[in-house]
Structures are given as structure tokens and as C-alpha cells.
């Protein structure tokens, strides 16, 4: 299927992997794809901006959603006898300020492949179906956006929470692909 991806679609998938690595995510889900599409020029970003969305705010909200729940919970750790502040203090005394954060970036930053979740795979499959439905031989970023919005997914939820009229986004993405 990836041989049918245009340059912007391939770039979106690569960028989604970078978004996942930067967020220390174990997998790429539809939210990572949405961030990648929104940050790069192409038919998907055009559809998002054309619908009246503030794409910068959408990206901020999506990134916040991705990282929500990733932070260590001091109360949960305290319940099992771990004082997070003390662990941080001792680690920084031995290895320098920010040592724990650096260690997380280094270990996770070395991974070259981050697997896709079921919803991301389904969104990419739906992108192929959207391209076929629209009579396109290639899959571009607009088709990926259509795939993200075709079924319930975390990306579709983020779009709705950001105030997007998802059906309008779909119409605009289809319009971007009408000439393809």
C-alpha cells in the first residue's frame, strides 16, 4: 500500500513517527498522524484551515492529548512507598539537573521503528479506500485525513473537541482530491 503514497503522505507517516518519539509514545496512533498532517503543507492542512480551524491550536491540543497521562503520578507512587521528589533530588545530585528527563529521551530516542496501533492501521486502510472511492491512483495526505475522520478514532475526537465540523473537513478534503 505504501508504494501508492504520495510524497506528502509518506512525509506525514514519517512525521507521525517523529511525533511519537518526541512524545515518548510506545506506538503511533491516529492522533500522531493528525498532528503530522496538520503541521505539514498539503491537502490535509488545507482542508483543516479551510474549515476554519486554528491549526496551531489543534496541534497544541492534540499534542497535549497525546502526552496526557504520560507523567509520573506522585500520589500513585507514594501509595507504594516511592517519594518521586526524593528520587528526582537524589538522581539530579548524582547525575546533574534534568538527568531523568535526558535519560528518557536518550533511551526512547534511539528507537528507529515505532509500531502503529490498530486505529492508525485502520485509518491508513480507510485512506486507501477513500482514494479508491474518489478515483485516485495515489494516496495523499487528504486521503489520510479522510481515513482519520471516516470512523471513530482518537483523531476524530480531537477534531470534534477542537470545534471542527468533521463533515465539513471531510467535504473539503474530498474537494482537495477532486482534481487528482
N, C-alpha and C. Protein backbone atom coordinates (compact mmCIF):
# COMPACT_ATOMS: atom_id res chain seq x y z
N UNK A 1 0.83 -1.20 0.00
CA UNK A 1 0.00 0.00 0.00
C UNK A 1 0.87 1.26 0.00
N UNK A 2 2.02 1.23 0.71
CA UNK A 2 2.83 2.44 0.83
C UNK A 2 3.42 2.89 -0.49
N UNK A 3 3.51 1.98 -1.46
CA UNK A 3 4.02 2.38 -2.77
C UNK A 3 3.07 3.34 -3.47
N UNK A 4 1.82 3.38 -3.03
CA UNK A 4 0.82 4.29 -3.61
C UNK A 4 0.80 5.65 -2.92
N UNK A 5 1.56 5.80 -1.84
CA UNK A 5 1.57 7.05 -1.10
C UNK A 5 2.36 8.12 -1.86
N UNK A 6 1.79 9.32 -1.90
CA UNK A 6 2.50 10.46 -2.49
C UNK A 6 3.58 10.92 -1.52
N UNK A 7 4.38 11.86 -1.98
CA UNK A 7 5.45 12.39 -1.13
C UNK A 7 4.89 12.97 0.17
N UNK A 8 3.78 13.73 0.09
CA UNK A 8 3.24 14.33 1.32
C UNK A 8 2.66 13.28 2.26
N UNK A 9 2.10 12.20 1.73
CA UNK A 9 1.56 11.14 2.59
C UNK A 9 2.70 10.38 3.28
N UNK A 10 3.76 10.11 2.54
CA UNK A 10 4.93 9.44 3.14
C UNK A 10 5.55 10.33 4.22
N UNK A 11 5.61 11.61 3.92
CA UNK A 11 6.15 12.56 4.89
C UNK A 11 5.30 12.59 6.16
N UNK A 12 3.99 12.52 6.00
CA UNK A 12 3.09 12.53 7.16
C UNK A 12 3.32 11.30 8.04
N UNK A 13 3.52 10.14 7.42
CA UNK A 13 3.75 8.92 8.19
C UNK A 13 5.09 9.02 8.93
N UNK A 14 6.11 9.52 8.23
CA UNK A 14 7.43 9.70 8.85
C UNK A 14 7.35 10.71 9.98
N UNK A 15 6.63 11.80 9.76
CA UNK A 15 6.48 12.83 10.79
C UNK A 15 5.69 12.31 11.98
N UNK A 16 4.70 11.46 11.73
CA UNK A 16 3.92 10.86 12.83
C UNK A 16 4.84 10.03 13.72
N UNK A 17 5.79 9.34 13.10
CA UNK A 17 6.75 8.57 13.88
C UNK A 17 7.58 9.50 14.74
N UNK A 18 8.01 10.63 14.19
CA UNK A 18 8.80 11.61 14.95
C UNK A 18 7.97 12.19 16.10
N UNK A 19 6.70 12.49 15.83
CA UNK A 19 5.81 12.99 16.88
C UNK A 19 5.73 11.98 18.02
N UNK A 20 5.59 10.70 17.67
CA UNK A 20 5.50 9.64 18.69
C UNK A 20 6.80 9.55 19.49
N UNK A 21 7.93 9.59 18.81
CA UNK A 21 9.22 9.51 19.50
C UNK A 21 9.41 10.71 20.42
N UNK A 22 9.11 11.90 19.91
CA UNK A 22 9.26 13.12 20.73
C UNK A 22 8.36 13.09 21.96
N UNK A 23 7.18 12.47 21.82
CA UNK A 23 6.23 12.39 22.95
C UNK A 23 6.48 11.16 23.81
N UNK A 24 7.51 10.39 23.48
CA UNK A 24 7.83 9.15 24.21
C UNK A 24 6.67 8.16 24.16
N UNK A 25 5.95 8.16 23.04
CA UNK A 25 4.84 7.21 22.86
C UNK A 25 5.40 5.87 22.41
N UNK A 26 4.82 4.81 22.90
CA UNK A 26 5.26 3.47 22.53
C UNK A 26 4.76 3.07 21.14
N UNK A 27 3.67 3.71 20.69
CA UNK A 27 3.07 3.38 19.40
C UNK A 27 2.57 4.65 18.71
N UNK A 28 2.38 4.56 17.41
CA UNK A 28 1.81 5.65 16.62
C UNK A 28 0.32 5.38 16.50
N UNK A 29 -0.49 6.34 16.96
CA UNK A 29 -1.93 6.18 16.78
C UNK A 29 -2.44 7.30 15.88
N UNK A 30 -3.74 7.38 15.72
CA UNK A 30 -4.33 8.34 14.79
C UNK A 30 -4.04 9.79 15.20
N UNK A 31 -3.83 10.04 16.49
CA UNK A 31 -3.52 11.40 16.94
C UNK A 31 -2.17 11.86 16.40
N UNK A 32 -1.19 10.96 16.38
CA UNK A 32 0.13 11.28 15.85
C UNK A 32 0.04 11.61 14.36
N UNK A 33 -0.78 10.85 13.64
CA UNK A 33 -0.99 11.12 12.22
C UNK A 33 -1.66 12.47 12.02
N UNK A 34 -2.64 12.80 12.85
CA UNK A 34 -3.33 14.08 12.75
C UNK A 34 -2.36 15.24 12.96
N UNK A 35 -1.51 15.15 13.97
CA UNK A 35 -0.52 16.20 14.22
C UNK A 35 0.38 16.36 13.00
N UNK A 36 0.86 15.26 12.47
CA UNK A 36 1.76 15.31 11.31
C UNK A 36 1.07 15.96 10.11
N UNK A 37 -0.18 15.59 9.85
CA UNK A 37 -0.91 16.18 8.73
C UNK A 37 -1.15 17.67 8.94
N UNK A 38 -1.47 18.06 10.16
CA UNK A 38 -1.77 19.46 10.46
C UNK A 38 -0.52 20.34 10.40
N UNK A 39 0.63 19.76 10.69
CA UNK A 39 1.86 20.56 10.73
C UNK A 39 2.51 20.75 9.35
N UNK A 40 2.16 19.91 8.40
CA UNK A 40 2.81 19.98 7.09
C UNK A 40 1.86 20.53 6.04
N UNK A 41 2.44 21.30 5.10
CA UNK A 41 1.64 21.79 3.98
C UNK A 41 1.15 20.62 3.15
N UNK A 42 -0.06 20.74 2.66
CA UNK A 42 -0.62 19.68 1.83
C UNK A 42 -2.13 19.75 1.86
N UNK A 43 -2.77 18.81 1.19
CA UNK A 43 -4.23 18.83 1.11
C UNK A 43 -4.93 18.69 2.45
N UNK A 44 -4.34 17.95 3.38
CA UNK A 44 -4.98 17.77 4.69
C UNK A 44 -4.97 19.09 5.46
N UNK A 45 -3.82 19.75 5.50
CA UNK A 45 -3.73 21.03 6.21
C UNK A 45 -4.66 22.06 5.55
N UNK A 46 -4.72 22.05 4.23
CA UNK A 46 -5.63 22.97 3.52
C UNK A 46 -7.08 22.73 3.93
N UNK A 47 -7.47 21.46 4.04
CA UNK A 47 -8.85 21.15 4.44
C UNK A 47 -9.10 21.60 5.88
N UNK A 48 -8.12 21.40 6.75
CA UNK A 48 -8.28 21.80 8.15
C UNK A 48 -8.40 23.31 8.28
N UNK A 49 -7.52 24.05 7.62
CA UNK A 49 -7.59 25.51 7.70
C UNK A 49 -8.83 26.04 6.99
N UNK A 50 -9.19 25.40 5.88
CA UNK A 50 -10.38 25.82 5.14
C UNK A 50 -11.66 25.67 5.93
N UNK A 51 -11.65 24.76 6.89
CA UNK A 51 -12.84 24.55 7.71
C UNK A 51 -12.94 25.57 8.85
N UNK A 52 -11.93 26.44 8.93
CA UNK A 52 -11.95 27.47 9.96
C UNK A 52 -11.21 27.10 11.23
N UNK A 53 -10.58 25.94 11.25
CA UNK A 53 -9.83 25.54 12.44
C UNK A 53 -8.54 26.35 12.58
N UNK A 54 -8.19 26.67 13.80
CA UNK A 54 -6.88 27.23 14.11
C UNK A 54 -5.95 26.03 14.21
N UNK A 55 -5.17 25.79 13.15
CA UNK A 55 -4.36 24.58 13.08
C UNK A 55 -3.30 24.55 14.17
N UNK A 56 -2.75 25.70 14.52
CA UNK A 56 -1.76 25.76 15.60
C UNK A 56 -2.38 25.31 16.91
N UNK A 57 -3.59 25.75 17.20
CA UNK A 57 -4.28 25.34 18.42
C UNK A 57 -4.67 23.86 18.36
N UNK A 58 -5.08 23.40 17.19
CA UNK A 58 -5.40 21.98 17.02
C UNK A 58 -4.18 21.12 17.34
N UNK A 59 -3.02 21.50 16.82
CA UNK A 59 -1.79 20.75 17.08
C UNK A 59 -1.46 20.78 18.57
N UNK A 60 -1.62 21.95 19.20
CA UNK A 60 -1.33 22.07 20.62
C UNK A 60 -2.24 21.14 21.42
N UNK A 61 -3.53 21.14 21.10
CA UNK A 61 -4.48 20.28 21.81
C UNK A 61 -4.18 18.80 21.57
N UNK A 62 -3.86 18.46 20.34
CA UNK A 62 -3.57 17.05 20.02
C UNK A 62 -2.31 16.58 20.74
N UNK A 63 -1.27 17.41 20.74
CA UNK A 63 -0.03 17.04 21.45
C UNK A 63 -0.28 16.90 22.96
N UNK A 64 -1.11 17.80 23.51
CA UNK A 64 -1.43 17.71 24.93
C UNK A 64 -2.20 16.42 25.22
N UNK A 65 -3.10 16.06 24.31
CA UNK A 65 -3.86 14.82 24.48
C UNK A 65 -2.96 13.60 24.41
N UNK A 66 -1.96 13.65 23.53
CA UNK A 66 -1.02 12.54 23.38
C UNK A 66 -0.22 12.34 24.67
N UNK A 67 0.22 13.44 25.26
CA UNK A 67 1.08 13.33 26.44
C UNK A 67 0.29 13.23 27.74
N UNK A 68 -1.01 13.47 27.71
CA UNK A 68 -1.81 13.36 28.93
C UNK A 68 -1.73 11.95 29.48
N UNK A 69 -1.49 11.85 30.75
CA UNK A 69 -1.41 10.55 31.39
C UNK A 69 -0.03 9.92 31.32
N UNK A 70 0.89 10.55 30.57
CA UNK A 70 2.25 10.00 30.49
C UNK A 70 3.10 10.36 31.70
N UNK A 71 2.75 11.43 32.38
CA UNK A 71 3.57 11.89 33.50
C UNK A 71 3.46 10.92 34.68
N UNK A 72 4.54 10.86 35.44
CA UNK A 72 4.51 10.03 36.65
C UNK A 72 3.56 10.65 37.66
N UNK A 73 2.79 9.84 38.30
CA UNK A 73 1.82 10.30 39.28
C UNK A 73 2.43 10.18 40.68
N UNK A 74 2.82 11.32 41.27
CA UNK A 74 3.46 11.28 42.59
C UNK A 74 2.60 10.61 43.65
N UNK A 75 1.28 10.81 43.60
CA UNK A 75 0.39 10.21 44.60
C UNK A 75 0.34 8.69 44.45
N UNK A 76 0.29 8.21 43.20
CA UNK A 76 0.26 6.76 42.98
C UNK A 76 1.58 6.13 43.43
N UNK A 77 2.69 6.80 43.13
CA UNK A 77 3.99 6.28 43.57
C UNK A 77 4.10 6.29 45.09
N UNK A 78 3.59 7.35 45.74
CA UNK A 78 3.64 7.45 47.20
C UNK A 78 2.83 6.31 47.83
N UNK A 79 1.76 5.90 47.17
CA UNK A 79 0.94 4.82 47.70
C UNK A 79 1.70 3.50 47.78
N UNK A 80 2.74 3.36 46.96
CA UNK A 80 3.56 2.15 47.02
C UNK A 80 4.92 2.42 47.65
N UNK A 81 5.03 3.57 48.34
CA UNK A 81 6.23 3.87 49.12
C UNK A 81 7.36 4.56 48.37
N UNK A 82 7.06 5.15 47.23
CA UNK A 82 8.10 5.85 46.46
C UNK A 82 7.86 7.35 46.52
N UNK A 83 8.86 8.08 46.98
CA UNK A 83 8.79 9.54 47.04
C UNK A 83 9.46 10.07 45.77
N UNK A 84 8.64 10.48 44.78
CA UNK A 84 9.17 10.92 43.49
C UNK A 84 10.10 12.12 43.64
N UNK A 85 9.76 13.05 44.51
CA UNK A 85 10.63 14.21 44.71
C UNK A 85 12.01 13.79 45.22
N UNK A 86 12.03 12.83 46.14
CA UNK A 86 13.30 12.35 46.68
C UNK A 86 14.11 11.60 45.61
N UNK A 87 13.44 10.80 44.81
CA UNK A 87 14.13 10.08 43.73
C UNK A 87 14.73 11.09 42.75
N UNK A 88 13.95 12.10 42.38
CA UNK A 88 14.44 13.13 41.47
C UNK A 88 15.62 13.88 42.08
N UNK A 89 15.51 14.26 43.35
CA UNK A 89 16.57 15.01 44.02
C UNK A 89 17.88 14.21 44.04
N UNK A 90 17.78 12.95 44.43
CA UNK A 90 18.99 12.12 44.50
C UNK A 90 19.60 11.86 43.12
N UNK A 91 18.75 11.64 42.15
CA UNK A 91 19.24 11.40 40.79
C UNK A 91 19.96 12.64 40.26
N UNK A 92 19.36 13.80 40.48
CA UNK A 92 19.99 15.03 40.00
C UNK A 92 21.25 15.36 40.77
N UNK A 93 21.31 15.01 42.06
CA UNK A 93 22.53 15.23 42.85
C UNK A 93 23.68 14.38 42.31
N UNK A 94 23.36 13.20 41.84
CA UNK A 94 24.39 12.30 41.34
C UNK A 94 24.74 12.55 39.87
N UNK A 95 23.71 12.76 39.03
CA UNK A 95 23.92 12.82 37.59
C UNK A 95 23.70 14.20 36.96
N UNK A 96 23.27 15.17 37.74
CA UNK A 96 23.05 16.51 37.22
C UNK A 96 21.59 16.82 37.00
N UNK A 97 21.30 18.11 36.93
CA UNK A 97 19.92 18.57 36.78
C UNK A 97 19.32 18.05 35.47
N UNK A 98 18.09 17.57 35.56
CA UNK A 98 17.37 17.07 34.39
C UNK A 98 17.80 15.69 33.92
N UNK A 99 18.55 14.97 34.76
CA UNK A 99 19.08 13.66 34.36
C UNK A 99 17.98 12.67 33.99
N UNK A 100 16.89 12.64 34.74
CA UNK A 100 15.82 11.70 34.44
C UNK A 100 15.17 12.00 33.09
N UNK A 101 14.95 13.26 32.80
CA UNK A 101 14.35 13.65 31.52
C UNK A 101 15.28 13.30 30.37
N UNK A 102 16.59 13.58 30.54
CA UNK A 102 17.56 13.25 29.49
C UNK A 102 17.62 11.75 29.26
N UNK A 103 17.59 10.98 30.31
CA UNK A 103 17.67 9.52 30.19
C UNK A 103 16.48 8.99 29.39
N UNK A 104 15.29 9.52 29.66
CA UNK A 104 14.11 9.10 28.92
C UNK A 104 14.21 9.42 27.45
N UNK A 105 14.73 10.60 27.12
CA UNK A 105 14.88 10.99 25.72
C UNK A 105 15.92 10.13 25.02
N UNK A 106 17.01 9.85 25.68
CA UNK A 106 18.08 9.08 25.05
C UNK A 106 17.63 7.66 24.78
N UNK A 107 17.07 7.00 25.77
CA UNK A 107 16.64 5.62 25.60
C UNK A 107 15.56 5.52 24.54
N UNK A 108 14.57 6.35 24.63
CA UNK A 108 13.47 6.27 23.68
C UNK A 108 13.85 6.84 22.33
N UNK A 109 14.74 7.82 22.30
CA UNK A 109 15.13 8.45 21.05
C UNK A 109 15.93 7.54 20.14
N UNK A 110 16.49 6.47 20.65
CA UNK A 110 17.29 5.55 19.84
C UNK A 110 16.45 4.62 18.99
N UNK A 111 15.19 4.43 19.37
CA UNK A 111 14.34 3.53 18.60
C UNK A 111 14.13 4.07 17.20
N UNK A 112 14.27 3.21 16.22
CA UNK A 112 14.08 3.64 14.85
C UNK A 112 12.68 3.31 14.34
N UNK A 113 12.05 2.32 14.92
CA UNK A 113 10.73 1.92 14.46
C UNK A 113 9.74 1.97 15.62
N UNK A 114 8.66 2.69 15.40
CA UNK A 114 7.59 2.75 16.37
C UNK A 114 6.38 2.11 15.69
N UNK A 115 5.80 1.07 16.26
CA UNK A 115 4.68 0.38 15.60
C UNK A 115 3.40 1.21 15.61
N UNK A 116 2.53 0.90 14.67
CA UNK A 116 1.23 1.55 14.57
C UNK A 116 0.21 0.81 15.43
N UNK A 117 -0.70 1.57 16.02
CA UNK A 117 -1.81 0.97 16.75
C UNK A 117 -2.85 0.48 15.75
N UNK A 118 -3.79 -0.27 16.25
CA UNK A 118 -4.88 -0.77 15.40
C UNK A 118 -5.65 0.39 14.76
N UNK A 119 -5.91 1.47 15.53
CA UNK A 119 -6.69 2.57 14.95
C UNK A 119 -5.90 3.31 13.87
N UNK A 120 -4.59 3.41 14.01
CA UNK A 120 -3.77 4.06 12.97
C UNK A 120 -3.75 3.21 11.71
N UNK A 121 -3.59 1.89 11.88
CA UNK A 121 -3.61 0.99 10.73
C UNK A 121 -4.96 1.06 10.02
N UNK A 122 -6.04 1.09 10.81
CA UNK A 122 -7.38 1.17 10.23
C UNK A 122 -7.55 2.49 9.47
N UNK A 123 -7.03 3.58 10.03
CA UNK A 123 -7.12 4.88 9.36
C UNK A 123 -6.38 4.87 8.03
N UNK A 124 -5.22 4.23 7.98
CA UNK A 124 -4.46 4.13 6.73
C UNK A 124 -5.18 3.24 5.73
N UNK A 125 -5.80 2.16 6.21
CA UNK A 125 -6.60 1.31 5.33
C UNK A 125 -7.78 2.10 4.76
N UNK A 126 -8.41 2.88 5.62
CA UNK A 126 -9.55 3.70 5.17
C UNK A 126 -9.09 4.79 4.19
N UNK A 127 -7.86 5.28 4.35
CA UNK A 127 -7.31 6.25 3.40
C UNK A 127 -7.23 5.62 2.01
N UNK A 128 -6.78 4.37 1.95
CA UNK A 128 -6.74 3.66 0.67
C UNK A 128 -8.15 3.54 0.09
N UNK A 129 -9.10 3.18 0.91
CA UNK A 129 -10.48 3.04 0.43
C UNK A 129 -11.04 4.38 -0.06
N UNK A 130 -10.69 5.46 0.66
CA UNK A 130 -11.14 6.80 0.23
C UNK A 130 -10.52 7.17 -1.11
N UNK A 131 -9.24 6.86 -1.31
CA UNK A 131 -8.58 7.16 -2.58
C UNK A 131 -9.26 6.40 -3.72
N UNK A 132 -9.56 5.13 -3.47
CA UNK A 132 -10.25 4.31 -4.49
C UNK A 132 -11.63 4.89 -4.77
N UNK A 133 -12.35 5.25 -3.71
CA UNK A 133 -13.70 5.82 -3.87
C UNK A 133 -13.68 7.09 -4.70
N UNK A 134 -12.62 7.88 -4.53
CA UNK A 134 -12.50 9.16 -5.25
C UNK A 134 -11.83 8.99 -6.62
N UNK A 135 -11.47 7.77 -6.97
CA UNK A 135 -10.90 7.51 -8.28
C UNK A 135 -9.43 7.89 -8.40
N UNK A 136 -8.73 7.94 -7.29
CA UNK A 136 -7.32 8.31 -7.31
C UNK A 136 -6.45 7.06 -7.30
N UNK A 137 -5.35 7.11 -8.03
CA UNK A 137 -4.41 6.00 -8.04
C UNK A 137 -3.37 6.15 -6.94
N UNK A 138 -3.31 7.32 -6.35
CA UNK A 138 -2.34 7.59 -5.28
C UNK A 138 -3.08 7.96 -4.00
N UNK A 139 -2.38 7.80 -2.88
CA UNK A 139 -2.92 8.17 -1.57
C UNK A 139 -2.12 9.37 -1.09
N UNK A 140 -2.80 10.49 -0.87
CA UNK A 140 -2.11 11.68 -0.37
C UNK A 140 -2.58 12.00 1.04
N UNK A 141 -2.07 13.09 1.59
CA UNK A 141 -2.42 13.49 2.95
C UNK A 141 -3.91 13.72 3.14
N UNK A 142 -4.56 14.22 2.10
CA UNK A 142 -6.02 14.42 2.18
C UNK A 142 -6.76 13.11 2.36
N UNK A 143 -6.29 12.07 1.67
CA UNK A 143 -6.91 10.75 1.83
C UNK A 143 -6.68 10.23 3.25
N UNK A 144 -5.48 10.48 3.79
CA UNK A 144 -5.22 10.03 5.17
C UNK A 144 -6.16 10.76 6.13
N UNK A 145 -6.35 12.08 5.91
CA UNK A 145 -7.30 12.82 6.76
C UNK A 145 -8.70 12.24 6.62
N UNK A 146 -9.10 11.90 5.41
CA UNK A 146 -10.41 11.26 5.23
C UNK A 146 -10.48 9.94 5.99
N UNK A 147 -9.40 9.17 5.96
CA UNK A 147 -9.36 7.92 6.71
C UNK A 147 -9.47 8.14 8.20
N UNK A 148 -8.80 9.20 8.70
CA UNK A 148 -8.86 9.51 10.13
C UNK A 148 -10.26 9.91 10.57
N UNK A 149 -11.02 10.51 9.65
CA UNK A 149 -12.34 11.03 10.01
C UNK A 149 -13.48 10.10 9.61
N UNK A 150 -13.17 9.04 8.91
CA UNK A 150 -14.24 8.16 8.43
C UNK A 150 -14.88 7.35 9.54
N UNK A 151 -14.11 6.91 10.51
CA UNK A 151 -14.63 6.11 11.61
C UNK A 151 -14.26 6.77 12.93
N UNK A 152 -14.85 6.30 13.99
CA UNK A 152 -14.49 6.83 15.31
C UNK A 152 -13.04 6.52 15.60
N UNK A 153 -12.31 7.54 15.98
CA UNK A 153 -10.89 7.37 16.31
C UNK A 153 -10.50 8.49 17.27
N UNK A 154 -9.39 8.34 17.95
CA UNK A 154 -8.92 9.44 18.80
C UNK A 154 -8.72 10.74 18.01
N UNK A 155 -8.26 10.62 16.77
CA UNK A 155 -8.06 11.82 15.95
C UNK A 155 -9.38 12.52 15.66
N UNK A 156 -10.39 11.76 15.33
CA UNK A 156 -11.71 12.34 15.06
C UNK A 156 -12.25 13.03 16.32
N UNK A 157 -12.04 12.41 17.47
CA UNK A 157 -12.48 13.01 18.73
C UNK A 157 -11.77 14.33 18.98
N UNK A 158 -10.47 14.38 18.71
CA UNK A 158 -9.71 15.62 18.90
C UNK A 158 -10.23 16.71 17.97
N UNK A 159 -10.52 16.35 16.73
CA UNK A 159 -11.08 17.33 15.80
C UNK A 159 -12.40 17.88 16.33
N UNK A 160 -13.25 17.01 16.82
CA UNK A 160 -14.54 17.45 17.36
C UNK A 160 -14.35 18.34 18.58
N UNK A 161 -13.44 17.95 19.47
CA UNK A 161 -13.16 18.75 20.67
C UNK A 161 -12.59 20.12 20.32
N UNK A 162 -11.88 20.20 19.19
CA UNK A 162 -11.30 21.47 18.75
C UNK A 162 -12.34 22.35 18.06
N UNK A 163 -13.56 21.84 17.92
CA UNK A 163 -14.64 22.63 17.34
C UNK A 163 -14.82 22.43 15.85
N UNK A 164 -14.19 21.41 15.29
CA UNK A 164 -14.31 21.16 13.86
C UNK A 164 -15.66 20.54 13.52
N UNK A 165 -16.20 20.97 12.41
CA UNK A 165 -17.33 20.28 11.81
C UNK A 165 -16.68 19.18 10.95
N UNK A 166 -16.65 17.97 11.48
CA UNK A 166 -15.91 16.87 10.85
C UNK A 166 -16.42 16.62 9.44
N UNK A 167 -17.71 16.72 9.23
CA UNK A 167 -18.25 16.50 7.88
C UNK A 167 -17.78 17.60 6.92
N UNK A 168 -17.64 18.83 7.39
CA UNK A 168 -17.11 19.90 6.55
C UNK A 168 -15.63 19.63 6.23
N UNK A 169 -14.88 19.18 7.22
CA UNK A 169 -13.47 18.82 6.97
C UNK A 169 -13.41 17.74 5.91
N UNK A 170 -14.28 16.76 6.00
CA UNK A 170 -14.31 15.67 5.01
C UNK A 170 -14.64 16.22 3.62
N UNK A 171 -15.64 17.09 3.52
CA UNK A 171 -16.01 17.67 2.22
C UNK A 171 -14.83 18.44 1.62
N UNK A 172 -14.15 19.23 2.46
CA UNK A 172 -13.01 19.99 1.97
C UNK A 172 -11.86 19.07 1.54
N UNK A 173 -11.61 18.02 2.31
CA UNK A 173 -10.55 17.07 1.93
C UNK A 173 -10.91 16.36 0.63
N UNK A 174 -12.17 16.03 0.46
CA UNK A 174 -12.61 15.43 -0.80
C UNK A 174 -12.43 16.40 -1.96
N UNK A 175 -12.76 17.67 -1.71
CA UNK A 175 -12.59 18.70 -2.74
C UNK A 175 -11.13 18.88 -3.14
N UNK A 176 -10.23 18.79 -2.16
CA UNK A 176 -8.81 18.87 -2.45
C UNK A 176 -8.38 17.73 -3.35
N UNK A 177 -9.09 16.61 -3.26
CA UNK A 177 -8.72 15.43 -4.04
C UNK A 177 -9.56 15.26 -5.30
N UNK A 178 -10.46 16.19 -5.58
CA UNK A 178 -11.33 16.07 -6.75
C UNK A 178 -10.53 16.15 -8.05
N UNK A 179 -9.46 16.93 -8.03
CA UNK A 179 -8.68 17.12 -9.26
C UNK A 179 -7.63 16.04 -9.46
N UNK A 180 -7.46 15.18 -8.45
CA UNK A 180 -6.40 14.17 -8.52
C UNK A 180 -6.73 13.12 -9.55
